[in-house]
N, C-alpha and C. Protein backbone atom coordinates (compact mmCIF):
# COMPACT_ATOMS: atom_id res chain seq x y z
N UNK A 1 0.82 -1.19 0.00
CA UNK A 1 0.00 0.00 0.00
C UNK A 1 0.87 1.26 0.00
N UNK A 2 1.99 1.20 0.68
CA UNK A 2 2.90 2.34 0.73
C UNK A 2 3.40 2.70 -0.66
N UNK A 3 3.72 1.70 -1.44
CA UNK A 3 4.22 1.94 -2.80
C UNK A 3 3.14 2.62 -3.65
N UNK A 4 1.91 2.20 -3.49
CA UNK A 4 0.81 2.78 -4.27
C UNK A 4 0.61 4.26 -3.90
N UNK A 5 0.56 4.55 -2.61
CA UNK A 5 0.33 5.93 -2.17
C UNK A 5 1.50 6.82 -2.54
N UNK A 6 2.72 6.36 -2.31
CA UNK A 6 3.89 7.16 -2.68
C UNK A 6 3.96 7.39 -4.17
N UNK A 7 3.70 6.36 -4.94
CA UNK A 7 3.73 6.49 -6.41
C UNK A 7 2.62 7.41 -6.91
N UNK A 8 1.47 7.35 -6.27
CA UNK A 8 0.36 8.23 -6.63
C UNK A 8 0.76 9.70 -6.47
N UNK A 9 1.37 10.03 -5.35
CA UNK A 9 1.77 11.42 -5.11
C UNK A 9 2.92 11.85 -6.02
N UNK A 10 3.78 10.93 -6.36
CA UNK A 10 4.83 11.26 -7.33
C UNK A 10 4.20 11.54 -8.69
N UNK A 11 3.22 10.75 -9.07
CA UNK A 11 2.52 10.97 -10.34
C UNK A 11 1.75 12.28 -10.36
N UNK A 12 1.09 12.61 -9.26
CA UNK A 12 0.36 13.88 -9.18
C UNK A 12 1.34 15.04 -9.29
N UNK A 13 2.46 14.96 -8.58
CA UNK A 13 3.47 16.02 -8.65
C UNK A 13 4.05 16.16 -10.05
N UNK A 14 4.29 15.03 -10.71
CA UNK A 14 4.81 15.08 -12.08
C UNK A 14 3.79 15.72 -13.03
N UNK A 15 2.51 15.45 -12.81
CA UNK A 15 1.47 16.07 -13.64
C UNK A 15 1.45 17.58 -13.45
N UNK A 16 1.60 18.04 -12.21
CA UNK A 16 1.64 19.49 -11.95
C UNK A 16 2.87 20.11 -12.60
N UNK A 17 3.99 19.42 -12.52
CA UNK A 17 5.20 19.94 -13.17
C UNK A 17 5.02 20.04 -14.68
N UNK A 18 4.40 19.04 -15.27
CA UNK A 18 4.15 19.06 -16.71
C UNK A 18 3.24 20.24 -17.08
N UNK A 19 2.16 20.41 -16.32
CA UNK A 19 1.24 21.51 -16.58
C UNK A 19 1.94 22.86 -16.41
N UNK A 20 2.76 22.98 -15.38
CA UNK A 20 3.50 24.23 -15.14
C UNK A 20 4.46 24.51 -16.30
N UNK A 21 5.15 23.50 -16.75
CA UNK A 21 6.09 23.70 -17.85
C UNK A 21 5.36 24.13 -19.11
N UNK A 22 4.26 23.45 -19.44
CA UNK A 22 3.49 23.81 -20.64
C UNK A 22 2.95 25.24 -20.54
N UNK A 23 2.48 25.62 -19.36
CA UNK A 23 1.97 26.98 -19.17
C UNK A 23 3.06 28.02 -19.27
N UNK A 24 4.22 27.73 -18.71
CA UNK A 24 5.32 28.70 -18.76
C UNK A 24 5.86 28.88 -20.17
N UNK A 25 5.73 27.87 -21.00
CA UNK A 25 6.20 27.93 -22.38
C UNK A 25 5.12 28.39 -23.34
N UNK A 26 3.97 28.78 -22.80
CA UNK A 26 2.83 29.24 -23.60
C UNK A 26 2.36 28.17 -24.60
N UNK A 27 2.36 26.93 -24.16
CA UNK A 27 2.00 25.82 -25.03
C UNK A 27 0.63 25.22 -24.73
N UNK A 28 -0.11 25.83 -23.80
CA UNK A 28 -1.47 25.35 -23.53
C UNK A 28 -2.42 26.09 -24.45
N UNK A 29 -3.10 25.36 -25.30
CA UNK A 29 -4.01 25.98 -26.27
C UNK A 29 -5.20 26.60 -25.55
N UNK A 30 -5.62 27.72 -26.07
CA UNK A 30 -6.75 28.46 -25.51
C UNK A 30 -7.98 27.56 -25.44
N UNK A 31 -8.55 27.48 -24.24
CA UNK A 31 -9.77 26.70 -24.03
C UNK A 31 -9.59 25.21 -23.95
N UNK A 32 -8.34 24.72 -23.89
CA UNK A 32 -8.13 23.28 -23.86
C UNK A 32 -8.60 22.72 -22.51
N UNK A 33 -8.69 21.41 -22.45
CA UNK A 33 -9.13 20.76 -21.22
C UNK A 33 -8.08 20.90 -20.11
N UNK A 34 -6.83 21.08 -20.50
CA UNK A 34 -5.75 21.25 -19.52
C UNK A 34 -5.66 22.71 -19.13
N UNK A 35 -5.68 22.98 -17.87
CA UNK A 35 -5.51 24.34 -17.40
C UNK A 35 -6.68 24.86 -16.60
N UNK A 36 -6.72 26.16 -16.43
CA UNK A 36 -7.74 26.82 -15.63
C UNK A 36 -9.05 26.85 -16.42
N UNK A 37 -10.09 26.33 -15.83
CA UNK A 37 -11.38 26.27 -16.52
C UNK A 37 -12.33 27.39 -16.07
N UNK A 38 -11.87 28.28 -15.22
CA UNK A 38 -12.73 29.37 -14.73
C UNK A 38 -13.03 30.37 -15.84
N UNK A 39 -14.17 31.01 -15.73
CA UNK A 39 -14.59 31.96 -16.76
C UNK A 39 -13.62 33.14 -16.88
N UNK A 40 -13.06 33.59 -15.78
CA UNK A 40 -12.15 34.73 -15.83
C UNK A 40 -10.88 34.42 -16.61
N UNK A 41 -10.48 33.16 -16.68
CA UNK A 41 -9.28 32.79 -17.44
C UNK A 41 -9.58 32.57 -18.91
N UNK A 42 -10.85 32.40 -19.26
CA UNK A 42 -11.23 32.12 -20.64
C UNK A 42 -11.84 33.33 -21.35
N UNK A 43 -11.62 34.52 -20.81
CA UNK A 43 -12.21 35.71 -21.43
C UNK A 43 -11.59 36.03 -22.78
N UNK A 44 -10.31 35.69 -22.96
CA UNK A 44 -9.63 35.93 -24.24
C UNK A 44 -8.39 35.05 -24.30
N UNK A 45 -7.84 34.85 -25.49
CA UNK A 45 -6.60 34.08 -25.59
C UNK A 45 -5.44 34.73 -24.82
N UNK A 46 -5.42 36.06 -24.78
CA UNK A 46 -4.36 36.75 -24.03
C UNK A 46 -4.49 36.49 -22.53
N UNK A 47 -5.73 36.54 -22.02
CA UNK A 47 -5.96 36.27 -20.61
C UNK A 47 -5.59 34.83 -20.27
N UNK A 48 -5.94 33.90 -21.16
CA UNK A 48 -5.62 32.49 -20.96
C UNK A 48 -4.11 32.29 -20.84
N UNK A 49 -3.37 32.87 -21.78
CA UNK A 49 -1.92 32.71 -21.80
C UNK A 49 -1.28 33.36 -20.58
N UNK A 50 -1.71 34.56 -20.26
CA UNK A 50 -1.15 35.28 -19.11
C UNK A 50 -1.44 34.54 -17.81
N UNK A 51 -2.66 34.05 -17.66
CA UNK A 51 -3.04 33.32 -16.45
C UNK A 51 -2.17 32.08 -16.27
N UNK A 52 -1.95 31.33 -17.33
CA UNK A 52 -1.18 30.10 -17.21
C UNK A 52 0.31 30.36 -17.04
N UNK A 53 0.78 31.43 -17.60
CA UNK A 53 2.19 31.77 -17.39
C UNK A 53 2.41 32.18 -15.93
N UNK A 54 1.46 32.89 -15.37
CA UNK A 54 1.57 33.32 -13.97
C UNK A 54 1.36 32.15 -13.02
N UNK A 55 0.52 31.22 -13.40
CA UNK A 55 0.23 30.04 -12.59
C UNK A 55 1.43 29.09 -12.50
N UNK A 56 2.25 29.09 -13.51
CA UNK A 56 3.29 28.08 -13.68
C UNK A 56 4.26 27.98 -12.51
N UNK A 57 4.72 29.10 -12.00
CA UNK A 57 5.72 29.06 -10.94
C UNK A 57 5.24 28.35 -9.69
N UNK A 58 4.09 28.76 -9.19
CA UNK A 58 3.57 28.18 -7.95
C UNK A 58 3.17 26.72 -8.13
N UNK A 59 2.57 26.40 -9.26
CA UNK A 59 2.18 25.01 -9.51
C UNK A 59 3.42 24.12 -9.67
N UNK A 60 4.46 24.64 -10.29
CA UNK A 60 5.70 23.88 -10.42
C UNK A 60 6.33 23.58 -9.07
N UNK A 61 6.36 24.57 -8.20
CA UNK A 61 6.89 24.36 -6.85
C UNK A 61 6.02 23.37 -6.09
N UNK A 62 4.70 23.53 -6.20
CA UNK A 62 3.79 22.58 -5.55
C UNK A 62 3.97 21.16 -6.05
N UNK A 63 4.18 21.02 -7.35
CA UNK A 63 4.42 19.69 -7.92
C UNK A 63 5.71 19.08 -7.41
N UNK A 64 6.76 19.89 -7.33
CA UNK A 64 8.04 19.38 -6.81
C UNK A 64 7.91 18.96 -5.35
N UNK A 65 7.17 19.72 -4.56
CA UNK A 65 6.96 19.37 -3.16
C UNK A 65 6.13 18.10 -3.05
N UNK A 66 5.15 17.92 -3.93
CA UNK A 66 4.36 16.69 -3.93
C UNK A 66 5.22 15.47 -4.25
N UNK A 67 6.12 15.63 -5.20
CA UNK A 67 7.05 14.54 -5.53
C UNK A 67 7.92 14.22 -4.33
N UNK A 68 8.42 15.25 -3.65
CA UNK A 68 9.24 15.04 -2.45
C UNK A 68 8.45 14.29 -1.39
N UNK A 69 7.19 14.67 -1.18
CA UNK A 69 6.35 13.97 -0.21
C UNK A 69 6.15 12.52 -0.60
N UNK A 70 5.94 12.25 -1.89
CA UNK A 70 5.80 10.87 -2.36
C UNK A 70 7.05 10.05 -2.13
N UNK A 71 8.21 10.68 -2.34
CA UNK A 71 9.47 9.98 -2.08
C UNK A 71 9.66 9.68 -0.60
N UNK A 72 9.24 10.60 0.25
CA UNK A 72 9.32 10.37 1.70
C UNK A 72 8.42 9.20 2.09
N UNK A 73 7.24 9.14 1.50
CA UNK A 73 6.33 8.01 1.78
C UNK A 73 6.97 6.70 1.33
N UNK A 74 7.56 6.69 0.14
CA UNK A 74 8.21 5.46 -0.35
C UNK A 74 9.37 5.05 0.55
N UNK A 75 10.14 6.02 0.99
CA UNK A 75 11.32 5.70 1.81
C UNK A 75 10.96 5.32 3.23
N UNK A 76 9.97 6.00 3.82
CA UNK A 76 9.68 5.79 5.23
C UNK A 76 8.46 4.96 5.52
N UNK A 77 7.69 4.62 4.51
CA UNK A 77 6.46 3.88 4.75
C UNK A 77 5.35 4.84 5.14
N UNK A 78 4.15 4.33 5.23
CA UNK A 78 3.00 5.16 5.55
C UNK A 78 2.78 5.27 7.05
N UNK A 79 3.48 4.47 7.82
CA UNK A 79 3.30 4.49 9.27
C UNK A 79 3.89 5.76 9.88
N UNK A 80 3.28 6.23 10.97
CA UNK A 80 3.77 7.45 11.62
C UNK A 80 5.19 7.26 12.14
N UNK A 81 5.97 8.29 12.29
CA UNK A 81 5.68 9.67 11.94
C UNK A 81 6.16 10.06 10.53
N UNK A 82 7.11 9.31 9.97
CA UNK A 82 7.70 9.70 8.68
C UNK A 82 6.66 9.67 7.57
N UNK A 83 5.87 8.62 7.49
CA UNK A 83 4.87 8.52 6.44
C UNK A 83 3.81 9.60 6.54
N UNK A 84 3.42 9.93 7.77
CA UNK A 84 2.44 11.00 7.97
C UNK A 84 3.01 12.33 7.52
N UNK A 85 4.26 12.58 7.84
CA UNK A 85 4.92 13.82 7.41
C UNK A 85 4.99 13.86 5.88
N UNK A 86 5.36 12.75 5.26
CA UNK A 86 5.42 12.69 3.80
C UNK A 86 4.07 12.95 3.17
N UNK A 87 3.02 12.37 3.73
CA UNK A 87 1.67 12.58 3.20
C UNK A 87 1.25 14.04 3.36
N UNK A 88 1.52 14.63 4.51
CA UNK A 88 1.18 16.04 4.71
C UNK A 88 1.96 16.94 3.76
N UNK A 89 3.22 16.65 3.56
CA UNK A 89 4.02 17.44 2.62
C UNK A 89 3.44 17.34 1.22
N UNK A 90 3.09 16.13 0.79
CA UNK A 90 2.55 15.93 -0.55
C UNK A 90 1.23 16.68 -0.74
N UNK A 91 0.33 16.53 0.21
CA UNK A 91 -0.99 17.16 0.10
C UNK A 91 -0.87 18.68 0.16
N UNK A 92 -0.13 19.18 1.15
CA UNK A 92 0.01 20.63 1.30
C UNK A 92 0.76 21.25 0.12
N UNK A 93 1.73 20.55 -0.42
CA UNK A 93 2.43 21.06 -1.60
C UNK A 93 1.50 21.18 -2.79
N UNK A 94 0.70 20.17 -3.01
CA UNK A 94 -0.22 20.17 -4.15
C UNK A 94 -1.30 21.23 -3.99
N UNK A 95 -1.95 21.25 -2.86
CA UNK A 95 -3.03 22.20 -2.63
C UNK A 95 -2.49 23.63 -2.55
N UNK A 96 -1.37 23.80 -1.84
CA UNK A 96 -0.78 25.13 -1.72
C UNK A 96 -0.35 25.71 -3.06
N UNK A 97 0.25 24.89 -3.90
CA UNK A 97 0.65 25.34 -5.22
C UNK A 97 -0.54 25.78 -6.05
N UNK A 98 -1.62 25.04 -5.96
CA UNK A 98 -2.83 25.39 -6.70
C UNK A 98 -3.45 26.69 -6.20
N UNK A 99 -3.53 26.84 -4.88
CA UNK A 99 -4.15 28.04 -4.33
C UNK A 99 -3.33 29.30 -4.64
N UNK A 100 -2.04 29.22 -4.41
CA UNK A 100 -1.18 30.38 -4.68
C UNK A 100 -1.15 30.68 -6.17
N UNK A 101 -1.02 29.66 -6.99
CA UNK A 101 -0.97 29.85 -8.44
C UNK A 101 -2.25 30.45 -8.99
N UNK A 102 -3.40 29.96 -8.53
CA UNK A 102 -4.67 30.48 -9.00
C UNK A 102 -4.85 31.93 -8.59
N UNK A 103 -4.44 32.24 -7.39
CA UNK A 103 -4.54 33.64 -6.92
C UNK A 103 -3.68 34.57 -7.77
N UNK A 104 -2.46 34.13 -8.06
CA UNK A 104 -1.57 34.94 -8.90
C UNK A 104 -2.10 35.06 -10.32
N UNK A 105 -2.66 33.98 -10.85
CA UNK A 105 -3.20 34.00 -12.21
C UNK A 105 -4.39 34.95 -12.29
N UNK A 106 -5.24 34.91 -11.31
CA UNK A 106 -6.41 35.80 -11.31
C UNK A 106 -5.98 37.26 -11.24
N UNK A 107 -4.97 37.55 -10.44
CA UNK A 107 -4.45 38.91 -10.35
C UNK A 107 -3.85 39.37 -11.69
N UNK A 108 -3.18 38.46 -12.38
CA UNK A 108 -2.58 38.80 -13.68
C UNK A 108 -3.66 39.12 -14.71
N UNK A 109 -4.74 38.35 -14.70
CA UNK A 109 -5.84 38.62 -15.63
C UNK A 109 -6.52 39.94 -15.28
N UNK A 110 -6.66 40.23 -13.99
CA UNK A 110 -7.25 41.50 -13.58
C UNK A 110 -6.40 42.68 -14.05
N UNK A 111 -5.08 42.52 -14.02
CA UNK A 111 -4.19 43.59 -14.52
C UNK A 111 -4.39 43.81 -16.02
N UNK A 112 -4.63 42.73 -16.75
CA UNK A 112 -4.90 42.87 -18.20
C UNK A 112 -6.20 43.64 -18.44
N UNK A 113 -7.21 43.35 -17.63
CA UNK A 113 -8.51 43.99 -17.81
C UNK A 113 -8.52 45.44 -17.33
N UNK A 114 -7.68 45.72 -16.33
CA UNK A 114 -7.71 47.05 -15.70
C UNK A 114 -6.82 47.99 -16.34
């Protein structure tokens, strides 16, 4: 079970890193299924690109932290305290990266509109 949970968080982190890289390189097509699906990000192709470029940094860091948490789970097992710390690191890295990135992306789109 430890291998499954650790590998799952490594996969989630790798997905966030991939999304961050694509967004930073302006390679996410306007309106695609990958990326921010909120109405404020889809107002125009410029807003879409700016939002994803701004999102990239925080999501990339969150993805890297999620991978680190997954590696801690694999190395230490899921049993307390190491496994619990690894799980918390993975979850908080993923959620934190999303929250910070979305906030920054929304601010970038607001600057375009204002």
